[in-house]
Amino acid sequence: MCHQGEIYQEVPHFCFLVSCGAEQFLLTADVDFTQEDFSDFSQTSLDGVFVNPLFFHSKEGQQVIRETINPKEVFVYHIPFDADDVLSMRKMVKRDCDKWDSCPVTPLWEPMQRECRAVDRG
């Protein structure tokens, strides 16, 4: 898939669909969500999608998440560390999470942050 950012267009880039038992997660890395077609994922039941802050922030990215990918949960990762956040991306992610009105969203703020979920296997 295309890497986000004009200067990275020639850089090989991959998204990964990871299955953990019955659960499936899409890791989008730094995909150019404005150029790629995610419709193949619309038929896949995704327990979660991992997106970077720019994917989660943009109207186009949010539309892809809501209308095409339609996951049970969104995880925002690749958030700059507090000391490295010269563009105030952490504040942007916080605002975006507060406004998000779809499925649950979990920002991954800290190094080695752990999130545990109970899975109902019926």
PDB file of N, CA and C in Angstrom:
ATOM      1  N   MET A   1       0.845  -1.177   0.000  1.00  0.00           N
ATOM      2  CA  MET A   1       0.000   0.000   0.000  1.00  0.00           C
ATOM      3  C   MET A   1       0.887   1.236   0.000  1.00  0.00           C
ATOM      4  N   CYS A   2       0.332   2.354  -0.378  1.00  0.00           N
ATOM      5  CA  CYS A   2       1.094   3.612  -0.421  1.00  0.00           C
ATOM      6  C   CYS A   2       1.396   4.107   0.991  1.00  0.00           C
ATOM      7  N   HIS A   3       2.622   4.597   1.156  1.00  0.00           N
ATOM      8  CA  HIS A   3       3.036   5.216   2.412  1.00  0.00           C
ATOM      9  C   HIS A   3       2.564   6.662   2.399  1.00  0.00           C
ATOM     10  N   GLN A   4       2.103   7.145   3.552  1.00  0.00           N
ATOM     11  CA  GLN A   4       1.635   8.522   3.681  1.00  0.00           C
ATOM     12  C   GLN A   4       2.805   9.483   3.522  1.00  0.00           C
ATOM     13  N   GLY A   5       2.570  10.571   2.838  1.00  0.00           N
ATOM     14  CA  GLY A   5       3.593  11.599   2.663  1.00  0.00           C
ATOM     15  C   GLY A   5       4.241  11.502   1.297  1.00  0.00           C
ATOM     16  N   GLU A   6       4.237  12.611   0.602  1.00  0.00           N
ATOM     17  CA  GLU A   6       4.735  12.634  -0.775  1.00  0.00           C
ATOM     18  C   GLU A   6       6.175  12.152  -0.888  1.00  0.00           C
ATOM     19  N   ILE A   7       7.013  12.513   0.078  1.00  0.00           N
ATOM     20  CA  ILE A   7       8.429  12.122  -0.012  1.00  0.00           C
ATOM     21  C   ILE A   7       8.637  10.630   0.248  1.00  0.00           C
ATOM     22  N   TYR A   8       7.604   9.935   0.750  1.00  0.00           N
ATOM     23  CA  TYR A   8       7.734   8.512   1.058  1.00  0.00           C
ATOM     24  C   TYR A   8       7.025   7.617   0.048  1.00  0.00           C
ATOM     25  N   GLN A   9       6.563   8.157  -1.075  1.00  0.00           N
ATOM     26  CA  GLN A   9       5.773   7.385  -2.024  1.00  0.00           C
ATOM     27  C   GLN A   9       6.523   6.171  -2.583  1.00  0.00           C
ATOM     28  N   GLU A  10       7.826   6.222  -2.640  1.00  0.00           N
ATOM     29  CA  GLU A  10       8.607   5.097  -3.172  1.00  0.00           C
ATOM     30  C   GLU A  10       9.027   4.106  -2.080  1.00  0.00           C
ATOM     31  N   VAL A  11       8.701   4.398  -0.831  1.00  0.00           N
ATOM     32  CA  VAL A  11       9.064   3.511   0.273  1.00  0.00           C
ATOM     33  C   VAL A  11       8.067   2.365   0.335  1.00  0.00           C
ATOM     34  N   PRO A  12       8.541   1.115   0.301  1.00  0.00           N
ATOM     35  CA  PRO A  12       7.602  -0.016   0.429  1.00  0.00           C
ATOM     36  C   PRO A  12       6.845   0.075   1.753  1.00  0.00           C
ATOM     37  N   HIS A  13       5.553  -0.197   1.708  1.00  0.00           N
ATOM     38  CA  HIS A  13       4.720  -0.060   2.890  1.00  0.00           C
ATOM     39  C   HIS A  13       3.694  -1.170   2.922  1.00  0.00           C
ATOM     40  N   PHE A  14       3.449  -1.715   4.101  1.00  0.00           N
ATOM     41  CA  PHE A  14       2.498  -2.806   4.252  1.00  0.00           C
ATOM     42  C   PHE A  14       1.557  -2.542   5.410  1.00  0.00           C
ATOM     43  N   CYS A  15       0.321  -2.962   5.260  1.00  0.00           N
ATOM     44  CA  CYS A  15      -0.629  -3.044   6.356  1.00  0.00           C
ATOM     45  C   CYS A  15      -0.735  -4.527   6.694  1.00  0.00           C
ATOM     46  N   PHE A  16      -1.072  -4.831   7.932  1.00  0.00           N
ATOM     47  CA  PHE A  16      -1.154  -6.228   8.347  1.00  0.00           C
ATOM     48  C   PHE A  16      -2.514  -6.521   8.948  1.00  0.00           C
ATOM     49  N   LEU A  17      -3.083  -7.628   8.549  1.00  0.00           N
ATOM     50  CA  LEU A  17      -4.287  -8.162   9.165  1.00  0.00           C
ATOM     51  C   LEU A  17      -3.835  -9.301  10.055  1.00  0.00           C
ATOM     52  N   VAL A  18      -4.011  -9.125  11.359  1.00  0.00           N
ATOM     53  CA  VAL A  18      -3.529 -10.095  12.336  1.00  0.00           C
ATOM     54  C   VAL A  18      -4.718 -10.813  12.958  1.00  0.00           C
ATOM     55  N   SER A  19      -4.667 -12.122  12.933  1.00  0.00           N
ATOM     56  CA  SER A  19      -5.706 -12.929  13.573  1.00  0.00           C
ATOM     57  C   SER A  19      -5.140 -13.534  14.847  1.00  0.00           C
ATOM     58  N   CYS A  20      -5.860 -13.336  15.939  1.00  0.00           N
ATOM     59  CA  CYS A  20      -5.503 -13.907  17.247  1.00  0.00           C
ATOM     60  C   CYS A  20      -6.702 -14.739  17.681  1.00  0.00           C
ATOM     61  N   GLY A  21      -6.673 -16.016  17.366  1.00  0.00           N
ATOM     62  CA  GLY A  21      -7.851 -16.839  17.614  1.00  0.00           C
ATOM     63  C   GLY A  21      -8.975 -16.343  16.741  1.00  0.00           C
ATOM     64  N   ALA A  22     -10.090 -16.037  17.351  1.00  0.00           N
ATOM     65  CA  ALA A  22     -11.262 -15.556  16.602  1.00  0.00           C
ATOM     66  C   ALA A  22     -11.216 -14.053  16.348  1.00  0.00           C
ATOM     67  N   GLU A  23     -10.282 -13.348  16.957  1.00  0.00           N
ATOM     68  CA  GLU A  23     -10.213 -11.891  16.818  1.00  0.00           C
ATOM     69  C   GLU A  23      -9.305 -11.497  15.658  1.00  0.00           C
ATOM     70  N   GLN A  24      -9.681 -10.390  15.006  1.00  0.00           N
ATOM     71  CA  GLN A  24      -8.880  -9.872  13.899  1.00  0.00           C
ATOM     72  C   GLN A  24      -8.623  -8.382  14.090  1.00  0.00           C
ATOM     73  N   PHE A  25      -7.383  -7.997  13.826  1.00  0.00           N
ATOM     74  CA  PHE A  25      -6.957  -6.620  13.986  1.00  0.00           C
ATOM     75  C   PHE A  25      -6.230  -6.167  12.729  1.00  0.00           C
ATOM     76  N   LEU A  26      -6.521  -4.942  12.299  1.00  0.00           N
ATOM     77  CA  LEU A  26      -5.845  -4.358  11.149  1.00  0.00           C
ATOM     78  C   LEU A  26      -4.854  -3.324  11.649  1.00  0.00           C
ATOM     79  N   LEU A  27      -3.591  -3.491  11.293  1.00  0.00           N
ATOM     80  CA  LEU A  27      -2.544  -2.533  11.619  1.00  0.00           C
ATOM     81  C   LEU A  27      -2.238  -1.757  10.344  1.00  0.00           C
ATOM     82  N   THR A  28      -2.584  -0.483  10.343  1.00  0.00           N
ATOM     83  CA  THR A  28      -2.466   0.315   9.121  1.00  0.00           C
ATOM     84  C   THR A  28      -1.113   0.993   8.965  1.00  0.00           C
ATOM     85  N   ALA A  29      -0.326   1.050  10.019  1.00  0.00           N
ATOM     86  CA  ALA A  29       0.988   1.704  10.002  1.00  0.00           C
ATOM     87  C   ALA A  29       0.844   3.129   9.482  1.00  0.00           C
ATOM     88  N   ASP A  30       1.600   3.512   8.475  1.00  0.00           N
ATOM     89  CA  ASP A  30       1.543   4.877   7.942  1.00  0.00           C
ATOM     90  C   ASP A  30       0.947   4.886   6.537  1.00  0.00           C
ATOM     91  N   VAL A  31      -0.107   4.124   6.349  1.00  0.00           N
ATOM     92  CA  VAL A  31      -0.752   4.041   5.044  1.00  0.00           C
ATOM     93  C   VAL A  31      -1.318   5.395   4.628  1.00  0.00           C
ATOM     94  N   ASP A  32      -1.259   5.665   3.331  1.00  0.00           N
ATOM     95  CA  ASP A  32      -1.888   6.878   2.806  1.00  0.00           C
ATOM     96  C   ASP A  32      -3.374   6.590   2.622  1.00  0.00           C
ATOM     97  N   PHE A  33      -4.149   6.908   3.638  1.00  0.00           N
ATOM     98  CA  PHE A  33      -5.579   6.589   3.667  1.00  0.00           C
ATOM     99  C   PHE A  33      -6.382   7.392   2.651  1.00  0.00           C
ATOM    100  N   THR A  34      -5.782   8.447   2.084  1.00  0.00           N
ATOM    101  CA  THR A  34      -6.481   9.219   1.060  1.00  0.00           C
ATOM    102  C   THR A  34      -6.315   8.602  -0.323  1.00  0.00           C
ATOM    103  N   GLN A  35      -5.338   7.714  -0.485  1.00  0.00           N
ATOM    104  CA  GLN A  35      -5.044   7.120  -1.793  1.00  0.00           C
ATOM    105  C   GLN A  35      -5.440   5.651  -1.889  1.00  0.00           C
ATOM    106  N   GLU A  36      -5.592   4.994  -0.767  1.00  0.00           N
ATOM    107  CA  GLU A  36      -5.839   3.554  -0.778  1.00  0.00           C
ATOM    108  C   GLU A  36      -7.319   3.226  -0.666  1.00  0.00           C
ATOM    109  N   ASP A  37      -7.684   2.090  -1.193  1.00  0.00           N
ATOM    110  CA  ASP A  37      -9.054   1.589  -1.156  1.00  0.00           C
ATOM    111  C   ASP A  37      -9.141   0.510  -0.071  1.00  0.00           C
ATOM    112  N   PHE A  38      -9.922   0.764   0.941  1.00  0.00           N
ATOM    113  CA  PHE A  38     -10.057  -0.174   2.051  1.00  0.00           C
ATOM    114  C   PHE A  38     -11.301  -1.051   1.919  1.00  0.00           C
ATOM    115  N   SER A  39     -11.945  -1.011   0.767  1.00  0.00           N
ATOM    116  CA  SER A  39     -13.218  -1.731   0.612  1.00  0.00           C
ATOM    117  C   SER A  39     -13.087  -3.233   0.823  1.00  0.00           C
ATOM    118  N   ASP A  40     -11.918  -3.817   0.584  1.00  0.00           N
ATOM    119  CA  ASP A  40     -11.738  -5.248   0.846  1.00  0.00           C
ATOM    120  C   ASP A  40     -11.946  -5.585   2.322  1.00  0.00           C
ATOM    121  N   PHE A  41     -11.753  -4.600   3.192  1.00  0.00           N
ATOM    122  CA  PHE A  41     -11.919  -4.833   4.626  1.00  0.00           C
ATOM    123  C   PHE A  41     -13.361  -4.655   5.083  1.00  0.00           C
ATOM    124  N   SER A  42     -14.220  -4.153   4.224  1.00  0.00           N
ATOM    125  CA  SER A  42     -15.610  -3.919   4.623  1.00  0.00           C
ATOM    126  C   SER A  42     -16.356  -5.225   4.898  1.00  0.00           C
ATOM    127  N   GLN A  43     -15.881  -6.310   4.342  1.00  0.00           N
ATOM    128  CA  GLN A  43     -16.515  -7.619   4.565  1.00  0.00           C
ATOM    129  C   GLN A  43     -15.828  -8.410   5.672  1.00  0.00           C
ATOM    130  N   THR A  44     -14.826  -7.811   6.302  1.00  0.00           N
ATOM    131  CA  THR A  44     -14.067  -8.472   7.362  1.00  0.00           C
ATOM    132  C   THR A  44     -14.519  -7.937   8.707  1.00  0.00           C
ATOM    133  N   SER A  45     -14.877  -8.812   9.605  1.00  0.00           N
ATOM    134  CA  SER A  45     -15.264  -8.395  10.951  1.00  0.00           C
ATOM    135  C   SER A  45     -13.997  -8.105  11.749  1.00  0.00           C
ATOM    136  N   LEU A  46     -13.746  -6.825  11.972  1.00  0.00           N
ATOM    137  CA  LEU A  46     -12.523  -6.424  12.664  1.00  0.00           C
ATOM    138  C   LEU A  46     -12.821  -6.066  14.117  1.00  0.00           C
ATOM    139  N   ASP A  47     -12.070  -6.687  15.013  1.00  0.00           N
ATOM    140  CA  ASP A  47     -12.194  -6.365  16.430  1.00  0.00           C
ATOM    141  C   ASP A  47     -11.507  -5.044  16.736  1.00  0.00           C
ATOM    142  N   GLY A  48     -10.505  -4.710  15.956  1.00  0.00           N
ATOM    143  CA  GLY A  48      -9.824  -3.442  16.168  1.00  0.00           C
ATOM    144  C   GLY A  48      -9.014  -3.027  14.969  1.00  0.00           C
ATOM    145  N   VAL A  49      -8.817  -1.717  14.857  1.00  0.00           N
ATOM    146  CA  VAL A  49      -7.932  -1.161  13.845  1.00  0.00           C
ATOM    147  C   VAL A  49      -6.960  -0.231  14.556  1.00  0.00           C
ATOM    148  N   PHE A  50      -5.702  -0.327  14.171  1.00  0.00           N
ATOM    149  CA  PHE A  50      -4.658   0.541  14.700  1.00  0.00           C
ATOM    150  C   PHE A  50      -4.355   1.595  13.647  1.00  0.00           C
ATOM    151  N   VAL A  51      -4.505   2.876  14.024  1.00  0.00           N
ATOM    152  CA  VAL A  51      -4.265   3.986  13.104  1.00  0.00           C
ATOM    153  C   VAL A  51      -3.350   5.008  13.759  1.00  0.00           C
ATOM    154  N   ASN A  52      -2.644   5.761  12.922  1.00  0.00           N
ATOM    155  CA  ASN A  52      -1.798   6.814  13.473  1.00  0.00           C
ATOM    156  C   ASN A  52      -2.643   8.072  13.712  1.00  0.00           C
ATOM    157  N   PRO A  53      -2.108   9.068  14.413  1.00  0.00           N
ATOM    158  CA  PRO A  53      -2.891  10.260  14.744  1.00  0.00           C
ATOM    159  C   PRO A  53      -3.444  11.017  13.536  1.00  0.00           C
ATOM    160  N   LEU A  54      -2.717  11.052  12.427  1.00  0.00           N
ATOM    161  CA  LEU A  54      -3.201  11.783  11.260  1.00  0.00           C
ATOM    162  C   LEU A  54      -4.373  11.062  10.596  1.00  0.00           C
ATOM    163  N   PHE A  55      -4.321   9.751  10.548  1.00  0.00           N
ATOM    164  CA  PHE A  55      -5.429   8.948  10.023  1.00  0.00           C
ATOM    165  C   PHE A  55      -6.668   9.208  10.870  1.00  0.00           C
ATOM    166  N   PHE A  56      -6.524   9.157  12.191  1.00  0.00           N
ATOM    167  CA  PHE A  56      -7.646   9.345  13.109  1.00  0.00           C
ATOM    168  C   PHE A  56      -8.172  10.775  13.096  1.00  0.00           C
ATOM    169  N   HIS A  57      -7.308  11.734  12.835  1.00  0.00           N
ATOM    170  CA  HIS A  57      -7.692  13.150  12.881  1.00  0.00           C
ATOM    171  C   HIS A  57      -8.456  13.604  11.636  1.00  0.00           C
ATOM    172  N   SER A  58      -8.068  13.119  10.488  1.00  0.00           N
ATOM    173  CA  SER A  58      -8.627  13.653   9.244  1.00  0.00           C
ATOM    174  C   SER A  58     -10.060  13.186   9.006  1.00  0.00           C
ATOM    175  N   LYS A  59     -10.824  14.030   8.352  1.00  0.00           N
ATOM    176  CA  LYS A  59     -12.205  13.668   8.003  1.00  0.00           C
ATOM    177  C   LYS A  59     -12.227  12.457   7.089  1.00  0.00           C
ATOM    178  N   GLU A  60     -11.291  12.393   6.138  1.00  0.00           N
ATOM    179  CA  GLU A  60     -11.226  11.253   5.229  1.00  0.00           C
ATOM    180  C   GLU A  60     -10.930   9.969   5.996  1.00  0.00           C
ATOM    181  N   GLY A  61      -9.974  10.049   6.907  1.00  0.00           N
ATOM    182  CA  GLY A  61      -9.609   8.876   7.705  1.00  0.00           C
ATOM    183  C   GLY A  61     -10.759   8.423   8.587  1.00  0.00           C
ATOM    184  N   GLN A  62     -11.431   9.366   9.224  1.00  0.00           N
ATOM    185  CA  GLN A  62     -12.569   9.009  10.072  1.00  0.00           C
ATOM    186  C   GLN A  62     -13.685   8.379   9.254  1.00  0.00           C
ATOM    187  N   GLN A  63     -13.879   8.865   8.045  1.00  0.00           N
ATOM    188  CA  GLN A  63     -14.899   8.281   7.181  1.00  0.00           C
ATOM    189  C   GLN A  63     -14.531   6.843   6.809  1.00  0.00           C
ATOM    190  N   VAL A  64     -13.267   6.596   6.507  1.00  0.00           N
ATOM    191  CA  VAL A  64     -12.808   5.236   6.203  1.00  0.00           C
ATOM    192  C   VAL A  64     -13.039   4.332   7.405  1.00  0.00           C
ATOM    193  N   ILE A  65     -12.718   4.812   8.605  1.00  0.00           N
ATOM    194  CA  ILE A  65     -12.893   4.002   9.822  1.00  0.00           C
ATOM    195  C   ILE A  65     -14.367   3.680  10.025  1.00  0.00           C
ATOM    196  N   ARG A  66     -15.219   4.690   9.983  1.00  0.00           N
ATOM    197  CA  ARG A  66     -16.655   4.502  10.261  1.00  0.00           C
ATOM    198  C   ARG A  66     -17.379   3.707   9.179  1.00  0.00           C
ATOM    199  N   GLU A  67     -17.165   4.081   7.928  1.00  0.00           N
ATOM    200  CA  GLU A  67     -18.008   3.574   6.851  1.00  0.00           C
ATOM    201  C   GLU A  67     -17.441   2.373   6.107  1.00  0.00           C
ATOM    202  N   THR A  68     -16.146   2.192   6.132  1.00  0.00           N
ATOM    203  CA  THR A  68     -15.559   1.092   5.367  1.00  0.00           C
ATOM    204  C   THR A  68     -14.985   0.018   6.278  1.00  0.00           C
ATOM    205  N   ILE A  69     -14.074   0.395   7.146  1.00  0.00           N
ATOM    206  CA  ILE A  69     -13.428  -0.589   8.027  1.00  0.00           C
ATOM    207  C   ILE A  69     -14.394  -1.050   9.108  1.00  0.00           C
ATOM    208  N   ASN A  70     -15.098  -0.120   9.720  1.00  0.00           N
ATOM    209  CA  ASN A  70     -16.130  -0.410  10.717  1.00  0.00           C
ATOM    210  C   ASN A  70     -15.670  -1.393  11.811  1.00  0.00           C
ATOM    211  N   PRO A  71     -14.607  -1.039  12.551  1.00  0.00           N
ATOM    212  CA  PRO A  71     -14.108  -1.949  13.585  1.00  0.00           C
ATOM    213  C   PRO A  71     -14.935  -1.850  14.866  1.00  0.00           C
ATOM    214  N   LYS A  72     -14.716  -2.806  15.753  1.00  0.00           N
ATOM    215  CA  LYS A  72     -15.358  -2.748  17.066  1.00  0.00           C
ATOM    216  C   LYS A  72     -14.648  -1.742  17.966  1.00  0.00           C
ATOM    217  N   GLU A  73     -13.365  -1.496  17.701  1.00  0.00           N
ATOM    218  CA  GLU A  73     -12.593  -0.546  18.507  1.00  0.00           C
ATOM    219  C   GLU A  73     -11.471   0.046  17.663  1.00  0.00           C
ATOM    220  N   VAL A  74     -11.109   1.280  17.966  1.00  0.00           N
ATOM    221  CA  VAL A  74      -9.998   1.968  17.317  1.00  0.00           C
ATOM    222  C   VAL A  74      -8.889   2.160  18.342  1.00  0.00           C
ATOM    223  N   PHE A  75      -7.671   1.884  17.924  1.00  0.00           N
ATOM    224  CA  PHE A  75      -6.485   2.135  18.740  1.00  0.00           C
ATOM    225  C   PHE A  75      -5.633   3.154  17.990  1.00  0.00           C
ATOM    226  N   VAL A  76      -5.336   4.279  18.645  1.00  0.00           N
ATOM    227  CA  VAL A  76      -4.491   5.301  18.038  1.00  0.00           C
ATOM    228  C   VAL A  76      -3.086   5.118  18.597  1.00  0.00           C
ATOM    229  N   TYR A  77      -2.158   4.867  17.703  1.00  0.00           N
ATOM    230  CA  TYR A  77      -0.774   4.647  18.128  1.00  0.00           C
ATOM    231  C   TYR A  77       0.153   5.523  17.298  1.00  0.00           C
ATOM    232  N   HIS A  78       1.435   5.419  17.544  1.00  0.00           N
ATOM    233  CA  HIS A  78       2.432   6.251  16.876  1.00  0.00           C
ATOM    234  C   HIS A  78       2.257   7.699  17.325  1.00  0.00           C
ATOM    235  N   ILE A  79       1.816   7.878  18.579  1.00  0.00           N
ATOM    236  CA  ILE A  79       1.652   9.204  19.183  1.00  0.00           C
ATOM    237  C   ILE A  79       3.014   9.614  19.747  1.00  0.00           C
ATOM    238  N   PRO A  80       3.487  10.813  19.442  1.00  0.00           N
ATOM    239  CA  PRO A  80       4.800  11.228  19.953  1.00  0.00           C
ATOM    240  C   PRO A  80       4.850  11.204  21.488  1.00  0.00           C
ATOM    241  N   PHE A  81       6.012  10.875  22.007  1.00  0.00           N
ATOM    242  CA  PHE A  81       6.220  10.973  23.450  1.00  0.00           C
ATOM    243  C   PHE A  81       6.045  12.428  23.865  1.00  0.00           C
ATOM    244  N   ASP A  82       5.662  12.651  25.105  1.00  0.00           N
ATOM    245  CA  ASP A  82       5.394  13.999  25.604  1.00  0.00           C
ATOM    246  C   ASP A  82       6.568  14.943  25.332  1.00  0.00           C
ATOM    247  N   ALA A  83       7.783  14.496  25.628  1.00  0.00           N
ATOM    248  CA  ALA A  83       8.962  15.350  25.461  1.00  0.00           C
ATOM    249  C   ALA A  83       9.285  15.633  23.992  1.00  0.00           C
ATOM    250  N   ASP A  84       8.781  14.789  23.081  1.00  0.00           N
ATOM    251  CA  ASP A  84       9.080  14.933  21.656  1.00  0.00           C
ATOM    252  C   ASP A  84       7.942  15.566  20.865  1.00  0.00           C
ATOM    253  N   ASP A  85       6.887  15.962  21.521  1.00  0.00           N
ATOM    254  CA  ASP A  85       5.673  16.397  20.840  1.00  0.00           C
ATOM    255  C   ASP A  85       5.720  17.878  20.473  1.00  0.00           C
ATOM    256  N   VAL A  86       6.542  18.224  19.496  1.00  0.00           N
ATOM    257  CA  VAL A  86       6.712  19.622  19.104  1.00  0.00           C
ATOM    258  C   VAL A  86       5.513  20.154  18.317  1.00  0.00           C
ATOM    259  N   LEU A  87       4.686  19.265  17.760  1.00  0.00           N
ATOM    260  CA  LEU A  87       3.525  19.698  16.972  1.00  0.00           C
ATOM    261  C   LEU A  87       2.205  19.582  17.741  1.00  0.00           C
ATOM    262  N   SER A  88       2.280  19.309  19.046  1.00  0.00           N
ATOM    263  CA  SER A  88       1.090  19.179  19.906  1.00  0.00           C
ATOM    264  C   SER A  88       0.116  18.111  19.404  1.00  0.00           C
ATOM    265  N   MET A  89       0.667  17.014  18.915  1.00  0.00           N
ATOM    266  CA  MET A  89      -0.174  15.930  18.430  1.00  0.00           C
ATOM    267  C   MET A  89      -0.934  15.249  19.573  1.00  0.00           C
ATOM    268  N   ARG A  90      -0.351  15.225  20.752  1.00  0.00           N
ATOM    269  CA  ARG A  90      -1.038  14.608  21.886  1.00  0.00           C
ATOM    270  C   ARG A  90      -2.337  15.361  22.193  1.00  0.00           C
ATOM    271  N   LYS A  91      -2.289  16.682  22.156  1.00  0.00           N
ATOM    272  CA  LYS A  91      -3.503  17.486  22.373  1.00  0.00           C
ATOM    273  C   LYS A  91      -4.521  17.228  21.268  1.00  0.00           C
ATOM    274  N   MET A  92      -4.034  17.109  20.039  1.00  0.00           N
ATOM    275  CA  MET A  92      -4.926  16.837  18.918  1.00  0.00           C
ATOM    276  C   MET A  92      -5.612  15.480  19.101  1.00  0.00           C
ATOM    277  N   VAL A  93      -4.843  14.460  19.487  1.00  0.00           N
ATOM    278  CA  VAL A  93      -5.421  13.129  19.707  1.00  0.00           C
ATOM    279  C   VAL A  93      -6.446  13.178  20.829  1.00  0.00           C
ATOM    280  N   LYS A  94      -6.140  13.889  21.899  1.00  0.00           N
ATOM    281  CA  LYS A  94      -7.084  14.009  23.021  1.00  0.00           C
ATOM    282  C   LYS A  94      -8.389  14.640  22.550  1.00  0.00           C
ATOM    283  N   ARG A  95      -8.304  15.745  21.809  1.00  0.00           N
ATOM    284  CA  ARG A  95      -9.513  16.400  21.280  1.00  0.00           C
ATOM    285  C   ARG A  95     -10.292  15.464  20.359  1.00  0.00           C
ATOM    286  N   ASP A  96      -9.567  14.769  19.487  1.00  0.00           N
ATOM    287  CA  ASP A  96     -10.232  13.852  18.556  1.00  0.00           C
ATOM    288  C   ASP A  96     -10.914  12.705  19.296  1.00  0.00           C
ATOM    289  N   CYS A  97     -10.280  12.176  20.323  1.00  0.00           N
ATOM    290  CA  CYS A  97     -10.891  11.103  21.119  1.00  0.00           C
ATOM    291  C   CYS A  97     -12.145  11.607  21.829  1.00  0.00           C
ATOM    292  N   ASP A  98     -12.085  12.828  22.348  1.00  0.00           N
ATOM    293  CA  ASP A  98     -13.245  13.396  23.044  1.00  0.00           C
ATOM    294  C   ASP A  98     -14.438  13.599  22.109  1.00  0.00           C
ATOM    295  N   LYS A  99     -14.174  13.868  20.832  1.00  0.00           N
ATOM    296  CA  LYS A  99     -15.246  14.104  19.867  1.00  0.00           C
ATOM    297  C   LYS A  99     -15.722  12.826  19.179  1.00  0.00           C
ATOM    298  N   TRP A 100     -14.960  11.748  19.268  1.00  0.00           N
ATOM    299  CA  TRP A 100     -15.274  10.512  18.550  1.00  0.00           C
ATOM    300  C   TRP A 100     -16.582   9.943  19.072  1.00  0.00           C
ATOM    301  N   ASP A 101     -17.529   9.711  18.186  1.00  0.00           N
ATOM    302  CA  ASP A 101     -18.854   9.269  18.606  1.00  0.00           C
ATOM    303  C   ASP A 101     -19.220   7.894  18.061  1.00  0.00           C
ATOM    304  N   SER A 102     -18.242   7.167  17.614  1.00  0.00           N
ATOM    305  CA  SER A 102     -18.500   5.849  17.050  1.00  0.00           C
ATOM    306  C   SER A 102     -18.085   4.784  18.070  1.00  0.00           C
ATOM    307  N   CYS A 103     -17.381   3.778  17.639  1.00  0.00           N
ATOM    308  CA  CYS A 103     -16.943   2.694  18.519  1.00  0.00           C
ATOM    309  C   CYS A 103     -15.948   3.208  19.568  1.00  0.00           C
ATOM    310  N   PRO A 104     -15.635   2.385  20.581  1.00  0.00           N
ATOM    311  CA  PRO A 104     -14.641   2.810  21.574  1.00  0.00           C
ATOM    312  C   PRO A 104     -13.287   3.121  20.918  1.00  0.00           C
ATOM    313  N   VAL A 105     -12.591   4.095  21.486  1.00  0.00           N
ATOM    314  CA  VAL A 105     -11.256   4.449  20.997  1.00  0.00           C
ATOM    315  C   VAL A 105     -10.293   4.434  22.174  1.00  0.00           C
ATOM    316  N   THR A 106      -9.111   3.859  21.941  1.00  0.00           N
ATOM    317  CA  THR A 106      -8.079   3.796  22.962  1.00  0.00           C
ATOM    318  C   THR A 106      -6.802   4.404  22.413  1.00  0.00           C
ATOM    319  N   PRO A 107      -6.377   5.554  22.943  1.00  0.00           N
ATOM    320  CA  PRO A 107      -5.086   6.096  22.526  1.00  0.00           C
ATOM    321  C   PRO A 107      -3.968   5.377  23.289  1.00  0.00           C
ATOM    322  N   LEU A 108      -2.932   5.023  22.578  1.00  0.00           N
ATOM    323  CA  LEU A 108      -1.775   4.374  23.203  1.00  0.00           C
ATOM    324  C   LEU A 108      -0.712   5.447  23.403  1.00  0.00           C
ATOM    325  N   TRP A 109      -0.743   6.036  24.590  1.00  0.00           N
ATOM    326  CA  TRP A 109       0.068   7.205  24.905  1.00  0.00           C
ATOM    327  C   TRP A 109       1.501   6.892  25.318  1.00  0.00           C
ATOM    328  N   GLU A 110       1.666   5.839  26.077  1.00  0.00           N
ATOM    329  CA  GLU A 110       2.913   5.626  26.801  1.00  0.00           C
ATOM    330  C   GLU A 110       3.704   4.431  26.271  1.00  0.00           C
ATOM    331  N   PRO A 111       5.020   4.472  26.399  1.00  0.00           N
ATOM    332  CA  PRO A 111       5.820   3.309  26.014  1.00  0.00           C
ATOM    333  C   PRO A 111       5.399   2.100  26.851  1.00  0.00           C
ATOM    334  N   MET A 112       5.290   0.968  26.213  1.00  0.00           N
ATOM    335  CA  MET A 112       4.951  -0.296  26.879  1.00  0.00           C
ATOM    336  C   MET A 112       3.559  -0.276  27.518  1.00  0.00           C
ATOM    337  N   GLN A 113       2.716   0.636  27.087  1.00  0.00           N
ATOM    338  CA  GLN A 113       1.348   0.704  27.610  1.00  0.00           C
ATOM    339  C   GLN A 113       0.639  -0.605  27.328  1.00  0.00           C
ATOM    340  N   ARG A 114      -0.102  -1.092  28.310  1.00  0.00           N
ATOM    341  CA  ARG A 114      -0.833  -2.341  28.158  1.00  0.00           C
ATOM    342  C   ARG A 114      -2.320  -2.070  28.297  1.00  0.00           C
ATOM    343  N   GLU A 115      -3.068  -2.683  27.451  1.00  0.00           N
ATOM    344  CA  GLU A 115      -4.524  -2.613  27.510  1.00  0.00           C
ATOM    345  C   GLU A 115      -5.034  -4.045  27.536  1.00  0.00           C
ATOM    346  N   CYS A 116      -5.842  -4.366  28.509  1.00  0.00           N
ATOM    347  CA  CYS A 116      -6.387  -5.709  28.613  1.00  0.00           C
ATOM    348  C   CYS A 116      -7.882  -5.672  28.338  1.00  0.00           C
ATOM    349  N   ARG A 117      -8.347  -6.658  27.621  1.00  0.00           N
ATOM    350  CA  ARG A 117      -9.766  -6.781  27.289  1.00  0.00           C
ATOM    351  C   ARG A 117     -10.246  -8.170  27.635  1.00  0.00           C
ATOM    352  N   ALA A 118     -11.438  -8.242  28.163  1.00  0.00           N
ATOM    353  CA  ALA A 118     -12.081  -9.538  28.386  1.00  0.00           C
ATOM    354  C   ALA A 118     -12.833  -9.888  27.107  1.00  0.00           C
ATOM    355  N   VAL A 119     -12.610 -11.081  26.611  1.00  0.00           N
ATOM    356  CA  VAL A 119     -13.246 -11.509  25.367  1.00  0.00           C
ATOM    357  C   VAL A 119     -14.316 -12.532  25.697  1.00  0.00           C
ATOM    358  N   ASP A 120     -15.528 -12.242  25.263  1.00  0.00           N
ATOM    359  CA  ASP A 120     -16.639 -13.179  25.465  1.00  0.00           C
ATOM    360  C   ASP A 120     -16.637 -14.164  24.299  1.00  0.00           C
ATOM    361  N   ARG A 121     -16.292 -15.382  24.568  1.00  0.00           N
ATOM    362  CA  ARG A 121     -16.209 -16.401  23.519  1.00  0.00           C
ATOM    363  C   ARG A 121     -17.491 -17.237  23.448  1.00  0.00           C
ATOM    364  N   GLY A 122     -18.589 -16.697  24.048  1.00  0.00           N
ATOM    365  CA  GLY A 122     -19.899 -17.340  23.944  1.00  0.00           C
ATOM    366  C   GLY A 122     -20.012 -18.408  24.925  1.00  0.00           C
TER     367      GLY A 122
END
